[in-house]
């Protein structure tokens, strides 16, 4: 397998089939002792989960949710 300039690899069809992976499925790469293992993601994970985890607790807006929604709706 070759890594592209964007850091991407193609998971071979046989491996996808063996893991039961379909297009759009999330996977995790677990690294232990210098060995990377690809596993199907368990529970909420992936890019969206990482973004939420990184942003959690960082908000500094003193508006309530209702006030924010009213601003969003132009009320």
N, C-alpha and C. Protein backbone atom coordinates (compact mmCIF):
# COMPACT_ATOMS: atom_id res chain seq x y z
N UNK A 1 0.84 -1.17 0.00
CA UNK A 1 0.00 0.00 0.00
C UNK A 1 0.88 1.23 0.00
N UNK A 2 0.44 2.24 -0.69
CA UNK A 2 1.17 3.49 -0.76
C UNK A 2 0.34 4.59 -0.10
N UNK A 3 1.00 5.45 0.65
CA UNK A 3 0.35 6.59 1.27
C UNK A 3 0.40 7.75 0.29
N UNK A 4 -0.76 8.40 0.07
CA UNK A 4 -0.81 9.55 -0.85
C UNK A 4 -0.21 10.77 -0.17
N UNK A 5 -0.05 11.84 -0.94
CA UNK A 5 0.49 13.09 -0.39
C UNK A 5 -0.44 13.68 0.67
N UNK A 6 -1.71 13.26 0.66
CA UNK A 6 -2.66 13.72 1.67
C UNK A 6 -2.71 12.79 2.88
N UNK A 7 -1.85 11.77 2.89
CA UNK A 7 -1.82 10.83 4.01
C UNK A 7 -2.89 9.76 3.93
N UNK A 8 -3.46 9.54 2.76
CA UNK A 8 -4.53 8.58 2.59
C UNK A 8 -4.01 7.24 2.09
N UNK A 9 -4.72 6.17 2.50
CA UNK A 9 -4.45 4.84 1.97
C UNK A 9 -5.79 4.22 1.58
N UNK A 10 -5.76 3.28 0.69
CA UNK A 10 -6.96 2.54 0.32
C UNK A 10 -6.95 1.22 1.05
N UNK A 11 -8.03 0.95 1.79
CA UNK A 11 -8.13 -0.33 2.49
C UNK A 11 -8.55 -1.37 1.46
N UNK A 12 -7.75 -2.41 1.29
CA UNK A 12 -8.06 -3.42 0.27
C UNK A 12 -9.45 -4.04 0.48
N UNK A 13 -10.08 -4.41 -0.63
CA UNK A 13 -11.44 -4.96 -0.60
C UNK A 13 -11.54 -6.16 0.33
N UNK A 14 -10.55 -7.04 0.30
CA UNK A 14 -10.58 -8.24 1.14
C UNK A 14 -10.61 -7.86 2.62
N UNK A 15 -9.84 -6.85 3.01
CA UNK A 15 -9.82 -6.40 4.40
C UNK A 15 -11.16 -5.77 4.76
N UNK A 16 -11.71 -4.91 3.87
CA UNK A 16 -13.02 -4.29 4.13
C UNK A 16 -14.09 -5.36 4.30
N UNK A 17 -14.04 -6.36 3.44
CA UNK A 17 -15.02 -7.44 3.51
C UNK A 17 -14.89 -8.20 4.83
N UNK A 18 -13.66 -8.52 5.20
CA UNK A 18 -13.41 -9.28 6.43
C UNK A 18 -13.86 -8.50 7.68
N UNK A 19 -13.71 -7.18 7.64
CA UNK A 19 -14.13 -6.35 8.77
C UNK A 19 -15.59 -5.93 8.69
N UNK A 20 -16.24 -6.23 7.56
CA UNK A 20 -17.63 -5.85 7.38
C UNK A 20 -17.81 -4.35 7.17
N UNK A 21 -16.81 -3.70 6.57
CA UNK A 21 -16.85 -2.27 6.37
C UNK A 21 -17.55 -1.92 5.06
N UNK A 22 -18.40 -0.91 5.12
CA UNK A 22 -19.13 -0.42 3.95
C UNK A 22 -18.75 1.04 3.72
N UNK A 23 -18.96 1.56 2.50
CA UNK A 23 -18.69 2.99 2.25
C UNK A 23 -19.43 3.85 3.27
N UNK A 24 -18.73 4.82 3.83
CA UNK A 24 -19.31 5.71 4.82
C UNK A 24 -19.10 5.28 6.26
N UNK A 25 -18.68 4.03 6.46
CA UNK A 25 -18.42 3.56 7.83
C UNK A 25 -17.24 4.31 8.43
N UNK A 26 -17.25 4.46 9.74
CA UNK A 26 -16.16 5.09 10.47
C UNK A 26 -15.22 3.99 10.97
N UNK A 27 -13.92 4.27 10.92
CA UNK A 27 -12.93 3.36 11.47
C UNK A 27 -12.02 4.14 12.41
N UNK A 28 -11.35 3.42 13.27
CA UNK A 28 -10.36 4.01 14.15
C UNK A 28 -9.03 3.33 13.87
N UNK A 29 -7.97 4.09 14.05
CA UNK A 29 -6.63 3.52 13.94
C UNK A 29 -6.04 3.54 15.34
N UNK A 30 -5.76 2.36 15.85
CA UNK A 30 -5.22 2.22 17.20
C UNK A 30 -3.74 1.90 17.06
N UNK A 31 -2.89 2.67 17.75
CA UNK A 31 -1.45 2.46 17.67
C UNK A 31 -0.97 1.95 19.03
N UNK A 32 -0.32 0.78 19.02
CA UNK A 32 0.26 0.19 20.23
C UNK A 32 1.62 -0.39 19.88
N UNK A 33 2.60 0.03 20.64
CA UNK A 33 3.96 -0.49 20.45
C UNK A 33 4.44 -0.38 19.00
N UNK A 34 4.11 0.74 18.36
CA UNK A 34 4.58 0.98 17.01
C UNK A 34 3.81 0.24 15.93
N UNK A 35 2.69 -0.41 16.29
CA UNK A 35 1.89 -1.13 15.31
C UNK A 35 0.52 -0.47 15.21
N UNK A 36 0.11 -0.12 13.98
CA UNK A 36 -1.20 0.49 13.75
C UNK A 36 -2.20 -0.59 13.36
N UNK A 37 -3.37 -0.55 14.01
CA UNK A 37 -4.43 -1.51 13.73
C UNK A 37 -5.69 -0.74 13.35
N UNK A 38 -6.34 -1.13 12.26
CA UNK A 38 -7.59 -0.50 11.82
C UNK A 38 -8.73 -1.32 12.38
N UNK A 39 -9.64 -0.65 13.10
CA UNK A 39 -10.80 -1.33 13.68
C UNK A 39 -12.05 -0.51 13.38
N UNK A 40 -13.21 -1.18 13.25
CA UNK A 40 -14.45 -0.43 13.09
C UNK A 40 -14.66 0.45 14.32
N UNK A 41 -15.15 1.67 14.12
CA UNK A 41 -15.38 2.59 15.22
C UNK A 41 -16.50 2.06 16.10
N UNK A 42 -16.33 2.23 17.40
CA UNK A 42 -17.35 1.81 18.37
C UNK A 42 -17.98 3.06 18.97
N UNK A 43 -19.28 3.18 18.88
CA UNK A 43 -19.97 4.32 19.46
C UNK A 43 -19.67 5.61 18.71
N UNK A 44 -19.99 6.75 19.35
CA UNK A 44 -19.75 8.03 18.69
C UNK A 44 -18.25 8.28 18.53
N UNK A 45 -17.82 8.45 17.32
CA UNK A 45 -16.40 8.68 17.08
C UNK A 45 -16.23 9.39 15.76
N UNK A 46 -15.05 9.38 15.26
CA UNK A 46 -14.79 9.99 13.98
C UNK A 46 -14.56 11.48 14.10
N UNK A 47 -14.53 12.12 12.96
CA UNK A 47 -14.19 13.54 12.87
C UNK A 47 -15.14 14.41 13.69
N UNK A 48 -16.43 14.16 13.57
CA UNK A 48 -17.41 14.96 14.31
C UNK A 48 -17.21 14.86 15.81
N UNK A 49 -16.98 13.66 16.31
CA UNK A 49 -16.76 13.46 17.74
C UNK A 49 -15.51 14.19 18.20
N UNK A 50 -14.43 14.13 17.38
CA UNK A 50 -13.19 14.82 17.75
C UNK A 50 -13.39 16.33 17.81
N UNK A 51 -14.18 16.87 16.88
CA UNK A 51 -14.45 18.31 16.86
C UNK A 51 -15.24 18.70 18.11
N UNK A 52 -16.28 17.93 18.42
CA UNK A 52 -17.08 18.23 19.61
C UNK A 52 -16.23 18.15 20.87
N UNK A 53 -15.42 17.12 20.99
CA UNK A 53 -14.55 16.97 22.16
C UNK A 53 -13.59 18.15 22.30
N UNK A 54 -13.05 18.61 21.17
CA UNK A 54 -12.10 19.72 21.21
C UNK A 54 -12.77 21.03 21.61
N UNK A 55 -14.05 21.20 21.26
CA UNK A 55 -14.75 22.45 21.54
C UNK A 55 -15.48 22.46 22.87
N UNK A 56 -15.72 21.29 23.45
CA UNK A 56 -16.48 21.21 24.69
C UNK A 56 -15.87 22.08 25.78
N UNK A 57 -16.69 22.92 26.38
CA UNK A 57 -16.24 23.76 27.48
C UNK A 57 -15.50 25.02 27.07
N UNK A 58 -15.41 25.29 25.78
CA UNK A 58 -14.64 26.45 25.31
C UNK A 58 -15.51 27.65 25.00
N UNK A 59 -16.81 27.49 25.08
CA UNK A 59 -17.71 28.60 24.75
C UNK A 59 -17.65 29.69 25.81
N UNK A 60 -17.76 30.94 25.36
CA UNK A 60 -17.72 32.05 26.31
C UNK A 60 -18.88 33.02 26.07
N UNK A 61 -19.91 32.55 25.38
CA UNK A 61 -21.07 33.39 25.09
C UNK A 61 -22.01 33.34 26.30
N UNK A 62 -22.48 34.50 26.73
CA UNK A 62 -23.33 34.55 27.90
C UNK A 62 -24.81 34.57 27.55
N UNK A 63 -25.13 34.25 26.29
CA UNK A 63 -26.52 34.20 25.86
C UNK A 63 -27.10 32.81 26.15
N UNK A 64 -28.40 32.78 26.40
CA UNK A 64 -29.06 31.48 26.56
C UNK A 64 -29.29 30.88 25.18
N UNK A 65 -29.63 29.61 25.15
CA UNK A 65 -29.94 28.94 23.88
C UNK A 65 -31.11 29.64 23.19
N UNK A 66 -32.13 30.00 23.96
CA UNK A 66 -33.29 30.68 23.38
C UNK A 66 -32.89 32.02 22.76
N UNK A 67 -32.00 32.77 23.42
CA UNK A 67 -31.55 34.05 22.89
C UNK A 67 -30.75 33.85 21.59
N UNK A 68 -29.92 32.85 21.56
CA UNK A 68 -29.13 32.55 20.36
C UNK A 68 -30.07 32.17 19.21
N UNK A 69 -31.06 31.31 19.49
CA UNK A 69 -32.00 30.90 18.45
C UNK A 69 -32.80 32.08 17.93
N UNK A 70 -33.19 33.02 18.82
CA UNK A 70 -33.92 34.22 18.38
C UNK A 70 -33.05 35.06 17.46
N UNK A 71 -31.77 35.20 17.78
CA UNK A 71 -30.85 35.95 16.91
C UNK A 71 -30.71 35.25 15.56
N UNK A 72 -30.59 33.94 15.60
CA UNK A 72 -30.44 33.15 14.37
C UNK A 72 -31.65 33.32 13.46
N UNK A 73 -32.82 33.36 14.07
CA UNK A 73 -34.07 33.49 13.30
C UNK A 73 -34.38 34.93 12.92
N UNK A 74 -33.58 35.86 13.45
CA UNK A 74 -33.81 37.26 13.12
C UNK A 74 -34.97 37.87 13.88
N UNK A 75 -35.27 37.33 15.04
CA UNK A 75 -36.39 37.83 15.85
C UNK A 75 -35.97 38.99 16.71
